C-alpha cells in the first residue's frame, strides 16, 4: 500500500471496477473536509481506479492536474469488493448499482463468498443471476437506479411478456409506489393482460389512467382502477354493498358480506350496552329465527 501523487493523465481510464449509475461527482464535493488527510482515490498496481471514480470525474471537471491516490495490490474480485463496501458506507448504493456489481463479480467469486462479505439486503440466488442481463437493460435500469422499482417486482416483471412488462415499468416510472404496491401493480397488470387479451395502453387510457397520473398522490386510486379492470364483478358488488350498508347501518350495527360475494348471506354484528339488553333482544329474535 503506497500513497502517490499522480497526474490525471497517469491514471488508467479503464472502468472495470466501476458500477456507479448514474455518475454523481458532486457528492464528493465536501468529502475532503469530512475525511481530512484520507486519499479518496484508490488505484491498483496498473493505476486503474478501484475506488473514487466519481471523485476523479469531479477533479477533471474542476480542471485539476494532479491528485493524491492510494495504490494497493489487489486482484479483480478483491478490488470490486473494496469499491462496493467503500461506496456503500460513504453514500449507499442504489439497486441498479448493486446489480451492476453482481454482474461484474459473479464470474470471479462464488455466491456464498459474496453473501458473506457484503450487505445486499436482498437474496442472491440463481433466479437473480439468470435475470441480471435483462434487469440491467432498459427500461429496468433507469427505474431501478431511481428507486422506482424494487427487486421483487422487477423479477416478477422480468417473467412477463415484453409488451406487458414495458407498460408496467412505464407506469412505475411515472409514479412512485411503495415496494408492496409495485408488486401488486405488476401482478394486476399481468392478470388484466391475460384476461382481456388486448393491448394494455388503450385499455388503461380508456379507464382514465392518464387523468389519475396528473393528480397528487394517485397511487391508491391507480391501484383501485387496476383492481376494477381485473375484478369488474367484485368491484361492482363492493360499490353496491357500500351503498346498501350506508343506508342500513346505525352506530351499533355493522354488516359483513361473504368473501368475494360468493354467497348472499349477510353477517350482522350488534353491540349492546349490557346483558339485559342482549337477553331481551335474543328473546324477541327467537320468534323469527
C-alpha atoms as a PDB file:
ATOM      1  CA  UNK A   1       0.000   0.000   0.000  1.00  0.00           C
ATOM      2  CA  UNK A   2       1.555   3.260  -1.181  1.00  0.00           C
ATOM      3  CA  UNK A   3       0.376   6.864  -1.251  1.00  0.00           C
ATOM      4  CA  UNK A   4       1.111   8.610  -4.561  1.00  0.00           C
ATOM      5  CA  UNK A   5       0.536  11.953  -6.209  1.00  0.00           C
ATOM      6  CA  UNK A   6      -0.439  11.336  -9.823  1.00  0.00           C
ATOM      7  CA  UNK A   7      -1.230  13.487 -12.802  1.00  0.00           C
ATOM      8  CA  UNK A   8      -4.666  12.741 -14.198  1.00  0.00           C
ATOM      9  CA  UNK A   9      -3.021  11.579 -17.413  1.00  0.00           C
ATOM     10  CA  UNK A  10      -1.152   8.874 -15.468  1.00  0.00           C
ATOM     11  CA  UNK A  11      -4.398   7.243 -14.326  1.00  0.00           C
ATOM     12  CA  UNK A  12      -5.740   4.428 -16.493  1.00  0.00           C
ATOM     13  CA  UNK A  13      -9.332   5.260 -17.617  1.00  0.00           C
ATOM     14  CA  UNK A  14     -10.301   1.546 -17.522  1.00  0.00           C
ATOM     15  CA  UNK A  15     -13.640   1.223 -15.678  1.00  0.00           C
ATOM     16  CA  UNK A  16     -13.554  -2.488 -14.869  1.00  0.00           C
ATOM     17  CA  UNK A  17     -14.124  -1.795 -11.157  1.00  0.00           C
ATOM     18  CA  UNK A  18     -16.822   0.839 -11.661  1.00  0.00           C
ATOM     19  CA  UNK A  19     -20.526   0.144 -11.196  1.00  0.00           C
ATOM     20  CA  UNK A  20     -21.756   3.663 -10.384  1.00  0.00           C
ATOM     21  CA  UNK A  21     -25.026   4.590 -12.104  1.00  0.00           C
ATOM     22  CA  UNK A  22     -25.764   7.375 -12.547  1.00  0.00           C
ATOM     23  CA  UNK A  23     -22.491   9.234 -12.012  1.00  0.00           C
ATOM     24  CA  UNK A  24     -22.761  11.833  -9.236  1.00  0.00           C
ATOM     25  CA  UNK A  25     -19.364  13.548  -8.866  1.00  0.00           C
ATOM     26  CA  UNK A  26     -20.875  16.353  -6.783  1.00  0.00           C
ATOM     27  CA  UNK A  27     -21.375  14.010  -3.827  1.00  0.00           C
ATOM     28  CA  UNK A  28     -17.615  14.058  -3.284  1.00  0.00           C
ATOM     29  CA  UNK A  29     -17.567  17.871  -3.034  1.00  0.00           C
ATOM     30  CA  UNK A  30     -17.248  18.029   0.760  1.00  0.00           C
ATOM     31  CA  UNK A  31     -15.579  14.662   1.380  1.00  0.00           C
ATOM     32  CA  UNK A  32     -12.099  16.180   1.756  1.00  0.00           C
ATOM     33  CA  UNK A  33     -13.407  18.311   4.630  1.00  0.00           C
ATOM     34  CA  UNK A  34     -15.149  15.322   6.223  1.00  0.00           C
ATOM     35  CA  UNK A  35     -12.135  12.990   5.840  1.00  0.00           C
ATOM     36  CA  UNK A  36      -9.043  15.209   6.067  1.00  0.00           C
ATOM     37  CA  UNK A  37      -5.808  13.502   5.036  1.00  0.00           C
ATOM     38  CA  UNK A  38      -7.563  10.453   3.564  1.00  0.00           C
ATOM     39  CA  UNK A  39      -6.923   9.790  -0.137  1.00  0.00           C
ATOM     40  CA  UNK A  40     -10.301   9.499  -1.825  1.00  0.00           C
ATOM     41  CA  UNK A  41      -8.865   7.795  -4.890  1.00  0.00           C
ATOM     42  CA  UNK A  42      -7.641   4.186  -4.755  1.00  0.00           C
ATOM     43  CA  UNK A  43      -5.806   2.626  -7.712  1.00  0.00           C
ATOM     44  CA  UNK A  44      -4.321  -0.801  -8.403  1.00  0.00           C
ATOM     45  CA  UNK A  45      -0.778  -1.643  -9.490  1.00  0.00           C
ATOM     46  CA  UNK A  46      -1.605  -0.630 -13.096  1.00  0.00           C
ATOM     47  CA  UNK A  47      -3.068   2.673 -11.855  1.00  0.00           C
ATOM     48  CA  UNK A  48      -6.605   1.638 -12.749  1.00  0.00           C
ATOM     49  CA  UNK A  49      -9.185   3.226 -10.459  1.00  0.00           C
ATOM     50  CA  UNK A  50     -10.563   0.876  -7.795  1.00  0.00           C
ATOM     51  CA  UNK A  51     -12.433   3.444  -5.689  1.00  0.00           C
ATOM     52  CA  UNK A  52     -13.255   7.067  -6.371  1.00  0.00           C
ATOM     53  CA  UNK A  53     -14.388   7.044  -9.997  1.00  0.00           C
ATOM     54  CA  UNK A  54     -16.699   9.992  -9.365  1.00  0.00           C
ATOM     55  CA  UNK A  55     -14.017  11.738  -7.303  1.00  0.00           C
ATOM     56  CA  UNK A  56     -11.716  11.557 -10.307  1.00  0.00           C
ATOM     57  CA  UNK A  57     -14.535  12.864 -12.511  1.00  0.00           C
ATOM     58  CA  UNK A  58     -15.013  15.788 -10.104  1.00  0.00           C
ATOM     59  CA  UNK A  59     -11.297  16.570 -10.286  1.00  0.00           C
ATOM     60  CA  UNK A  60     -11.451  16.577 -14.096  1.00  0.00           C
ATOM     61  CA  UNK A  61     -14.488  18.879 -14.050  1.00  0.00           C
ATOM     62  CA  UNK A  62     -12.591  21.287 -11.798  1.00  0.00           C
ATOM     63  CA  UNK A  63      -9.589  21.289 -14.108  1.00  0.00           C
ATOM     64  CA  UNK A  64      -7.195  19.843 -11.524  1.00  0.00           C
ATOM     65  CA  UNK A  65      -3.908  18.486 -12.879  1.00  0.00           C
ATOM     66  CA  UNK A  66      -2.821  16.223 -10.011  1.00  0.00           C
ATOM     67  CA  UNK A  67      -4.490  14.074  -7.377  1.00  0.00           C
ATOM     68  CA  UNK A  68      -3.472  12.112  -4.286  1.00  0.00           C
ATOM     69  CA  UNK A  69      -4.135   8.396  -4.548  1.00  0.00           C
ATOM     70  CA  UNK A  70      -3.648   5.242  -2.545  1.00  0.00           C
ATOM     71  CA  UNK A  71      -2.120   2.392  -4.548  1.00  0.00           C
ATOM     72  CA  UNK A  72      -2.973  -1.137  -3.391  1.00  0.00           C
ATOM     73  CA  UNK A  73      -2.148  -4.556  -4.777  1.00  0.00           C
ATOM     74  CA  UNK A  74      -5.493  -6.350  -5.151  1.00  0.00           C
ATOM     75  CA  UNK A  75      -6.924  -8.915  -7.536  1.00  0.00           C
ATOM     76  CA  UNK A  76     -10.118  -8.116  -9.511  1.00  0.00           C
ATOM     77  CA  UNK A  77     -12.575  -9.687  -7.047  1.00  0.00           C
ATOM     78  CA  UNK A  78     -10.935  -8.032  -4.031  1.00  0.00           C
ATOM     79  CA  UNK A  79     -10.908  -4.664  -5.815  1.00  0.00           C
ATOM     80  CA  UNK A  80     -14.615  -4.918  -6.619  1.00  0.00           C
ATOM     81  CA  UNK A  81     -15.425  -5.871  -3.037  1.00  0.00           C
ATOM     82  CA  UNK A  82     -13.405  -2.935  -1.708  1.00  0.00           C
ATOM     83  CA  UNK A  83     -15.152  -0.475  -4.003  1.00  0.00           C
ATOM     84  CA  UNK A  84     -18.582  -1.854  -3.104  1.00  0.00           C
ATOM     85  CA  UNK A  85     -18.049  -1.611   0.638  1.00  0.00           C
ATOM     86  CA  UNK A  86     -16.452   1.848   0.493  1.00  0.00           C
ATOM     87  CA  UNK A  87     -19.265   3.303  -1.648  1.00  0.00           C
ATOM     88  CA  UNK A  88     -21.939   1.589   0.412  1.00  0.00           C
ATOM     89  CA  UNK A  89     -20.533   3.082   3.632  1.00  0.00           C
ATOM     90  CA  UNK A  90     -19.945   6.554   2.188  1.00  0.00           C
ATOM     91  CA  UNK A  91     -23.085   7.123   0.143  1.00  0.00           C
ATOM     92  CA  UNK A  92     -25.193   3.985  -0.067  1.00  0.00           C
ATOM     93  CA  UNK A  93     -25.820   2.150  -3.325  1.00  0.00           C
ATOM     94  CA  UNK A  94     -28.981   2.069  -5.379  1.00  0.00           C
ATOM     95  CA  UNK A  95     -30.396  -1.247  -6.589  1.00  0.00           C
ATOM     96  CA  UNK A  96     -29.063  -0.817 -10.122  1.00  0.00           C
ATOM     97  CA  UNK A  97     -25.525  -0.304  -8.780  1.00  0.00           C
ATOM     98  CA  UNK A  98     -25.783  -3.413  -6.640  1.00  0.00           C
ATOM     99  CA  UNK A  99     -26.851  -5.466  -9.642  1.00  0.00           C
ATOM    100  CA  UNK A 100     -24.066  -3.988 -11.799  1.00  0.00           C
ATOM    101  CA  UNK A 101     -21.613  -5.002  -9.097  1.00  0.00           C
ATOM    102  CA  UNK A 102     -23.011  -8.541  -9.065  1.00  0.00           C
ATOM    103  CA  UNK A 103     -22.730  -8.798 -12.818  1.00  0.00           C
ATOM    104  CA  UNK A 104     -19.025  -7.975 -12.592  1.00  0.00           C
ATOM    105  CA  UNK A 105     -18.105 -10.067  -9.553  1.00  0.00           C
ATOM    106  CA  UNK A 106     -20.147 -13.241 -10.053  1.00  0.00           C
ATOM    107  CA  UNK A 107     -17.760 -14.653 -12.701  1.00  0.00           C
ATOM    108  CA  UNK A 108     -14.894 -14.067 -10.231  1.00  0.00           C
ATOM    109  CA  UNK A 109     -16.276 -15.144  -6.869  1.00  0.00           C
ATOM    110  CA  UNK A 110     -18.672 -17.845  -5.533  1.00  0.00           C
ATOM    111  CA  UNK A 111     -22.069 -16.590  -4.394  1.00  0.00           C
ATOM    112  CA  UNK A 112     -21.550 -17.748  -0.807  1.00  0.00           C
ATOM    113  CA  UNK A 113     -18.403 -15.629  -0.519  1.00  0.00           C
ATOM    114  CA  UNK A 114     -20.194 -12.592  -1.911  1.00  0.00           C
ATOM    115  CA  UNK A 115     -23.066 -13.008   0.557  1.00  0.00           C
ATOM    116  CA  UNK A 116     -20.576 -13.201   3.419  1.00  0.00           C
ATOM    117  CA  UNK A 117     -18.516 -10.153   2.506  1.00  0.00           C
ATOM    118  CA  UNK A 118     -21.083  -7.514   1.568  1.00  0.00           C
ATOM    119  CA  UNK A 119     -24.523  -6.319   2.652  1.00  0.00           C
ATOM    120  CA  UNK A 120     -27.081  -6.743  -0.125  1.00  0.00           C
ATOM    121  CA  UNK A 121     -30.455  -6.541   1.711  1.00  0.00           C
ATOM    122  CA  UNK A 122     -31.943  -8.984  -0.819  1.00  0.00           C
ATOM    123  CA  UNK A 123     -31.485 -12.643  -1.727  1.00  0.00           C
ATOM    124  CA  UNK A 124     -28.666 -13.536  -4.097  1.00  0.00           C
ATOM    125  CA  UNK A 125     -29.697 -16.743  -5.872  1.00  0.00           C
ATOM    126  CA  UNK A 126     -29.723 -18.422  -9.281  1.00  0.00           C
ATOM    127  CA  UNK A 127     -33.013 -16.785 -10.266  1.00  0.00           C
ATOM    128  CA  UNK A 128     -31.496 -13.334  -9.832  1.00  0.00           C
ATOM    129  CA  UNK A 129     -28.297 -14.376 -11.554  1.00  0.00           C
ATOM    130  CA  UNK A 130     -30.197 -15.593 -14.629  1.00  0.00           C
ATOM    131  CA  UNK A 131     -32.110 -12.315 -14.900  1.00  0.00           C
ATOM    132  CA  UNK A 132     -29.206  -9.883 -14.411  1.00  0.00           C
ATOM    133  CA  UNK A 133     -28.751  -9.073 -18.093  1.00  0.00           C
ATOM    134  CA  UNK A 134     -32.430  -8.223 -18.526  1.00  0.00           C
ATOM    135  CA  UNK A 135     -32.630  -6.201 -15.294  1.00  0.00           C
ATOM    136  CA  UNK A 136     -29.595  -4.135 -16.260  1.00  0.00           C
ATOM    137  CA  UNK A 137     -31.034  -3.191 -19.653  1.00  0.00           C
ATOM    138  CA  UNK A 138     -33.624  -0.521 -20.304  1.00  0.00           C
ATOM    139  CA  UNK A 139     -36.351   0.027 -19.296  1.00  0.00           C
ATOM    140  CA  UNK A 140     -35.386  -1.642 -15.990  1.00  0.00           C
ATOM    141  CA  UNK A 141     -32.031   0.073 -15.468  1.00  0.00           C
ATOM    142  CA  UNK A 142     -33.175   3.677 -15.007  1.00  0.00           C
ATOM    143  CA  UNK A 143     -36.187   2.648 -12.935  1.00  0.00           C
ATOM    144  CA  UNK A 144     -34.023   0.575 -10.578  1.00  0.00           C
ATOM    145  CA  UNK A 145     -31.492   3.389 -10.173  1.00  0.00           C
ATOM    146  CA  UNK A 146     -34.225   5.908  -9.361  1.00  0.00           C
ATOM    147  CA  UNK A 147     -35.718   3.702  -6.648  1.00  0.00           C
ATOM    148  CA  UNK A 148     -38.986   3.331  -8.569  1.00  0.00           C
ATOM    149  CA  UNK A 149     -38.722  -0.450  -8.836  1.00  0.00           C
ATOM    150  CA  UNK A 150     -37.838  -2.946  -6.106  1.00  0.00           C
ATOM    151  CA  UNK A 151     -36.261  -6.314  -6.792  1.00  0.00           C
ATOM    152  CA  UNK A 152     -39.333  -8.421  -6.016  1.00  0.00           C
ATOM    153  CA  UNK A 153     -41.491  -6.536  -8.529  1.00  0.00           C
ATOM    154  CA  UNK A 154     -38.596  -6.356 -11.010  1.00  0.00           C
ATOM    155  CA  UNK A 155     -38.153 -10.141 -11.043  1.00  0.00           C
ATOM    156  CA  UNK A 156     -41.881 -10.629 -11.496  1.00  0.00           C
ATOM    157  CA  UNK A 157     -41.914  -8.119 -14.354  1.00  0.00           C
ATOM    158  CA  UNK A 158     -38.915  -9.869 -15.944  1.00  0.00           C
ATOM    159  CA  UNK A 159     -41.024 -13.020 -16.329  1.00  0.00           C
ATOM    160  CA  UNK A 160     -43.890 -11.187 -18.066  1.00  0.00           C
ATOM    161  CA  UNK A 161     -44.457 -10.780 -21.824  1.00  0.00           C
ATOM    162  CA  UNK A 162     -42.421  -7.848 -23.107  1.00  0.00           C
ATOM    163  CA  UNK A 163     -45.373  -5.607 -24.032  1.00  0.00           C
ATOM    164  CA  UNK A 164     -46.933  -6.005 -20.585  1.00  0.00           C
ATOM    165  CA  UNK A 165     -43.538  -5.513 -18.924  1.00  0.00           C
ATOM    166  CA  UNK A 166     -42.913  -2.238 -20.757  1.00  0.00           C
ATOM    167  CA  UNK A 167     -46.356  -0.959 -19.756  1.00  0.00           C
ATOM    168  CA  UNK A 168     -45.786  -1.880 -16.107  1.00  0.00           C
ATOM    169  CA  UNK A 169     -42.371  -0.256 -15.871  1.00  0.00           C
ATOM    170  CA  UNK A 170     -43.612   2.834 -17.694  1.00  0.00           C
ATOM    171  CA  UNK A 171     -46.307   3.249 -15.056  1.00  0.00           C
ATOM    172  CA  UNK A 172     -43.799   2.730 -12.229  1.00  0.00           C
ATOM    173  CA  UNK A 173     -41.522   5.372 -13.734  1.00  0.00           C
ATOM    174  CA  UNK A 174     -44.418   7.811 -13.950  1.00  0.00           C
ATOM    175  CA  UNK A 175     -45.491   7.441 -10.320  1.00  0.00           C
ATOM    176  CA  UNK A 176     -43.704   6.493  -7.076  1.00  0.00           C
ATOM    177  CA  UNK A 177     -45.179   3.376  -5.428  1.00  0.00           C
ATOM    178  CA  UNK A 178     -44.109   1.512  -2.295  1.00  0.00           C
ATOM    179  CA  UNK A 179     -42.472  -1.879  -2.862  1.00  0.00           C
ATOM    180  CA  UNK A 180     -45.617  -3.754  -1.837  1.00  0.00           C
ATOM    181  CA  UNK A 181     -47.685  -1.570  -4.181  1.00  0.00           C
ATOM    182  CA  UNK A 182     -45.188  -2.178  -7.006  1.00  0.00           C
ATOM    183  CA  UNK A 183     -45.615  -5.929  -6.735  1.00  0.00           C
ATOM    184  CA  UNK A 184     -49.412  -5.635  -6.638  1.00  0.00           C
ATOM    185  CA  UNK A 185     -49.403  -3.306  -9.651  1.00  0.00           C
ATOM    186  CA  UNK A 186     -47.280  -5.699 -11.712  1.00  0.00           C
ATOM    187  CA  UNK A 187     -49.476  -8.632 -10.658  1.00  0.00           C
ATOM    188  CA  UNK A 188     -52.692  -6.837 -11.603  1.00  0.00           C
ATOM    189  CA  UNK A 189     -51.367  -5.716 -14.995  1.00  0.00           C
ATOM    190  CA  UNK A 190     -50.254  -9.241 -15.810  1.00  0.00           C
ATOM    191  CA  UNK A 191     -53.675 -10.653 -14.918  1.00  0.00           C
ATOM    192  CA  UNK A 192     -55.551  -7.896 -16.783  1.00  0.00           C
ATOM    193  CA  UNK A 193     -53.496  -8.553 -19.933  1.00  0.00           C
ATOM    194  CA  UNK A 194     -54.190 -12.286 -19.669  1.00  0.00           C
ATOM    195  CA  UNK A 195     -57.903 -11.738 -19.055  1.00  0.00           C
ATOM    196  CA  UNK A 196     -58.543  -9.102 -21.716  1.00  0.00           C
ATOM    197  CA  UNK A 197     -56.250 -10.468 -24.452  1.00  0.00           C
ATOM    198  CA  UNK A 198     -55.709  -6.959 -25.817  1.00  0.00           C
ATOM    199  CA  UNK A 199     -53.136  -4.141 -25.655  1.00  0.00           C
ATOM    200  CA  UNK A 200     -52.952  -2.560 -22.210  1.00  0.00           C
ATOM    201  CA  UNK A 201     -52.204   1.002 -23.328  1.00  0.00           C
ATOM    202  CA  UNK A 202     -55.595   1.824 -24.886  1.00  0.00           C
ATOM    203  CA  UNK A 203     -57.410  -0.136 -22.180  1.00  0.00           C
ATOM    204  CA  UNK A 204     -55.768   1.859 -19.362  1.00  0.00           C
ATOM    205  CA  UNK A 205     -56.235   5.150 -21.189  1.00  0.00           C
ATOM    206  CA  UNK A 206     -59.944   4.450 -21.664  1.00  0.00           C
ATOM    207  CA  UNK A 207     -60.245   3.710 -17.935  1.00  0.00           C
ATOM    208  CA  UNK A 208     -58.829   7.156 -17.088  1.00  0.00           C
ATOM    209  CA  UNK A 209     -55.259   6.330 -16.042  1.00  0.00           C
ATOM    210  CA  UNK A 210     -53.751   9.453 -17.650  1.00  0.00           C
ATOM    211  CA  UNK A 211     -56.073  11.710 -15.659  1.00  0.00           C
ATOM    212  CA  UNK A 212     -55.135   9.966 -12.414  1.00  0.00           C
ATOM    213  CA  UNK A 213     -51.423  10.437 -13.100  1.00  0.00           C
ATOM    214  CA  UNK A 214     -51.969  14.203 -13.212  1.00  0.00           C
ATOM    215  CA  UNK A 215     -53.295  14.229  -9.642  1.00  0.00           C
ATOM    216  CA  UNK A 216     -51.324  14.390  -6.397  1.00  0.00           C
ATOM    217  CA  UNK A 217     -50.761  11.087  -4.553  1.00  0.00           C
ATOM    218  CA  UNK A 218     -52.729   8.975  -7.050  1.00  0.00           C
ATOM    219  CA  UNK A 219     -51.282   5.592  -6.033  1.00  0.00           C
ATOM    220  CA  UNK A 220     -54.353   4.208  -4.264  1.00  0.00           C
ATOM    221  CA  UNK A 221     -56.709   5.393  -6.999  1.00  0.00           C
ATOM    222  CA  UNK A 222     -54.493   3.830  -9.669  1.00  0.00           C
ATOM    223  CA  UNK A 223     -54.493   0.502  -7.850  1.00  0.00           C
ATOM    224  CA  UNK A 224     -58.273   0.737  -7.409  1.00  0.00           C
ATOM    225  CA  UNK A 225     -58.602   1.356 -11.148  1.00  0.00           C
ATOM    226  CA  UNK A 226     -56.476  -1.693 -11.949  1.00  0.00           C
ATOM    227  CA  UNK A 227     -58.376  -3.789  -9.458  1.00  0.00           C
ATOM    228  CA  UNK A 228     -61.629  -2.755 -11.132  1.00  0.00           C
ATOM    229  CA  UNK A 229     -60.294  -3.858 -14.513  1.00  0.00           C
ATOM    230  CA  UNK A 230     -59.117  -7.153 -13.072  1.00  0.00           C
ATOM    231  CA  UNK A 231     -62.227  -7.940 -10.970  1.00  0.00           C
ATOM    232  CA  UNK A 232     -65.083  -5.940 -12.529  1.00  0.00           C
ATOM    233  CA  UNK A 233     -67.816  -8.046 -10.896  1.00  0.00           C
ATOM    234  CA  UNK A 234     -66.240  -7.817  -7.454  1.00  0.00           C
ATOM    235  CA  UNK A 235     -65.755  -4.057  -7.644  1.00  0.00           C
ATOM    236  CA  UNK A 236     -69.364  -3.573  -8.754  1.00  0.00           C
ATOM    237  CA  UNK A 237     -70.512  -5.743  -5.851  1.00  0.00           C
ATOM    238  CA  UNK A 238     -68.460  -3.691  -3.395  1.00  0.00           C
ATOM    239  CA  UNK A 239     -69.941  -0.436  -4.654  1.00  0.00           C
ATOM    240  CA  UNK A 240     -73.483  -1.755  -4.278  1.00  0.00           C
ATOM    241  CA  UNK A 241     -72.588  -3.126  -0.839  1.00  0.00           C
ATOM    242  CA  UNK A 242     -71.237   0.226   0.323  1.00  0.00           C
ATOM    243  CA  UNK A 243     -74.426   1.995  -0.764  1.00  0.00           C
ATOM    244  CA  UNK A 244     -76.624  -0.581   0.989  1.00  0.00           C
ATOM    245  CA  UNK A 245     -74.517  -0.582   4.152  1.00  0.00           C
ATOM    246  CA  UNK A 246     -74.657   3.212   4.480  1.00  0.00           C
ATOM    247  CA  UNK A 247     -78.403   3.037   4.079  1.00  0.00           C
ATOM    248  CA  UNK A 248     -78.919   0.262   6.653  1.00  0.00           C
ATOM    249  CA  UNK A 249     -76.229   0.668   9.318  1.00  0.00           C
ATOM    250  CA  UNK A 250     -76.614   2.541  12.606  1.00  0.00           C
ATOM    251  CA  UNK A 251     -73.999   3.330  15.221  1.00  0.00           C
ATOM    252  CA  UNK A 252     -74.414  -0.005  16.999  1.00  0.00           C
ATOM    253  CA  UNK A 253     -74.868  -2.251  13.949  1.00  0.00           C
ATOM    254  CA  UNK A 254     -72.285  -3.386  11.385  1.00  0.00           C
ATOM    255  CA  UNK A 255     -72.533  -5.773   8.462  1.00  0.00           C
ATOM    256  CA  UNK A 256     -70.177  -8.136   6.634  1.00  0.00           C
ATOM    257  CA  UNK A 257     -70.602  -9.991   3.355  1.00  0.00           C
ATOM    258  CA  UNK A 258     -69.251 -13.383   2.317  1.00  0.00           C
ATOM    259  CA  UNK A 259     -65.739 -13.314   0.803  1.00  0.00           C
ATOM    260  CA  UNK A 260     -65.879 -12.170  -2.845  1.00  0.00           C
ATOM    261  CA  UNK A 261     -69.705 -12.158  -2.530  1.00  0.00           C
ATOM    262  CA  UNK A 262     -69.619 -15.908  -3.124  1.00  0.00           C
ATOM    263  CA  UNK A 263     -72.859 -16.303  -1.123  1.00  0.00           C
ATOM    264  CA  UNK A 264     -75.765 -13.943  -0.499  1.00  0.00           C
ATOM    265  CA  UNK A 265     -75.711 -14.334   3.274  1.00  0.00           C
ATOM    266  CA  UNK A 266     -75.004 -11.268   5.406  1.00  0.00           C
ATOM    267  CA  UNK A 267     -73.403 -11.242   8.832  1.00  0.00           C
ATOM    268  CA  UNK A 268     -74.902  -8.695  11.250  1.00  0.00           C
ATOM    269  CA  UNK A 269     -72.973  -7.541  14.323  1.00  0.00           C
ATOM    270  CA  UNK A 270     -74.885  -5.656  17.001  1.00  0.00           C
ATOM    271  CA  UNK A 271     -73.282  -4.015  20.016  1.00  0.00           C
ATOM    272  CA  UNK A 272     -75.487  -3.677  23.110  1.00  0.00           C
ATOM    273  CA  UNK A 273     -74.916  -1.841  26.386  1.00  0.00           C
ATOM    274  CA  UNK A 274     -75.379  -4.819  28.724  1.00  0.00           C
ATOM    275  CA  UNK A 275     -76.530  -8.419  29.121  1.00  0.00           C
ATOM    276  CA  UNK A 276     -80.094  -7.399  29.923  1.00  0.00           C
ATOM    277  CA  UNK A 277     -80.466  -5.782  26.515  1.00  0.00           C
ATOM    278  CA  UNK A 278     -78.895  -8.834  24.902  1.00  0.00           C
ATOM    279  CA  UNK A 279     -81.317 -11.207  26.666  1.00  0.00           C
ATOM    280  CA  UNK A 280     -84.315  -9.102  25.625  1.00  0.00           C
ATOM    281  CA  UNK A 281     -83.146  -8.979  22.021  1.00  0.00           C
ATOM    282  CA  UNK A 282     -82.498 -12.732  21.858  1.00  0.00           C
ATOM    283  CA  UNK A 283     -85.915 -13.459  23.302  1.00  0.00           C
ATOM    284  CA  UNK A 284     -87.529 -11.408  20.527  1.00  0.00           C
ATOM    285  CA  UNK A 285     -85.291 -12.946  17.832  1.00  0.00           C
ATOM    286  CA  UNK A 286     -86.421 -16.464  18.772  1.00  0.00           C
ATOM    287  CA  UNK A 287     -89.844 -15.580  17.399  1.00  0.00           C
ATOM    288  CA  UNK A 288     -88.338 -15.049  13.927  1.00  0.00           C
ATOM    289  CA  UNK A 289     -85.365 -17.455  13.721  1.00  0.00           C
END
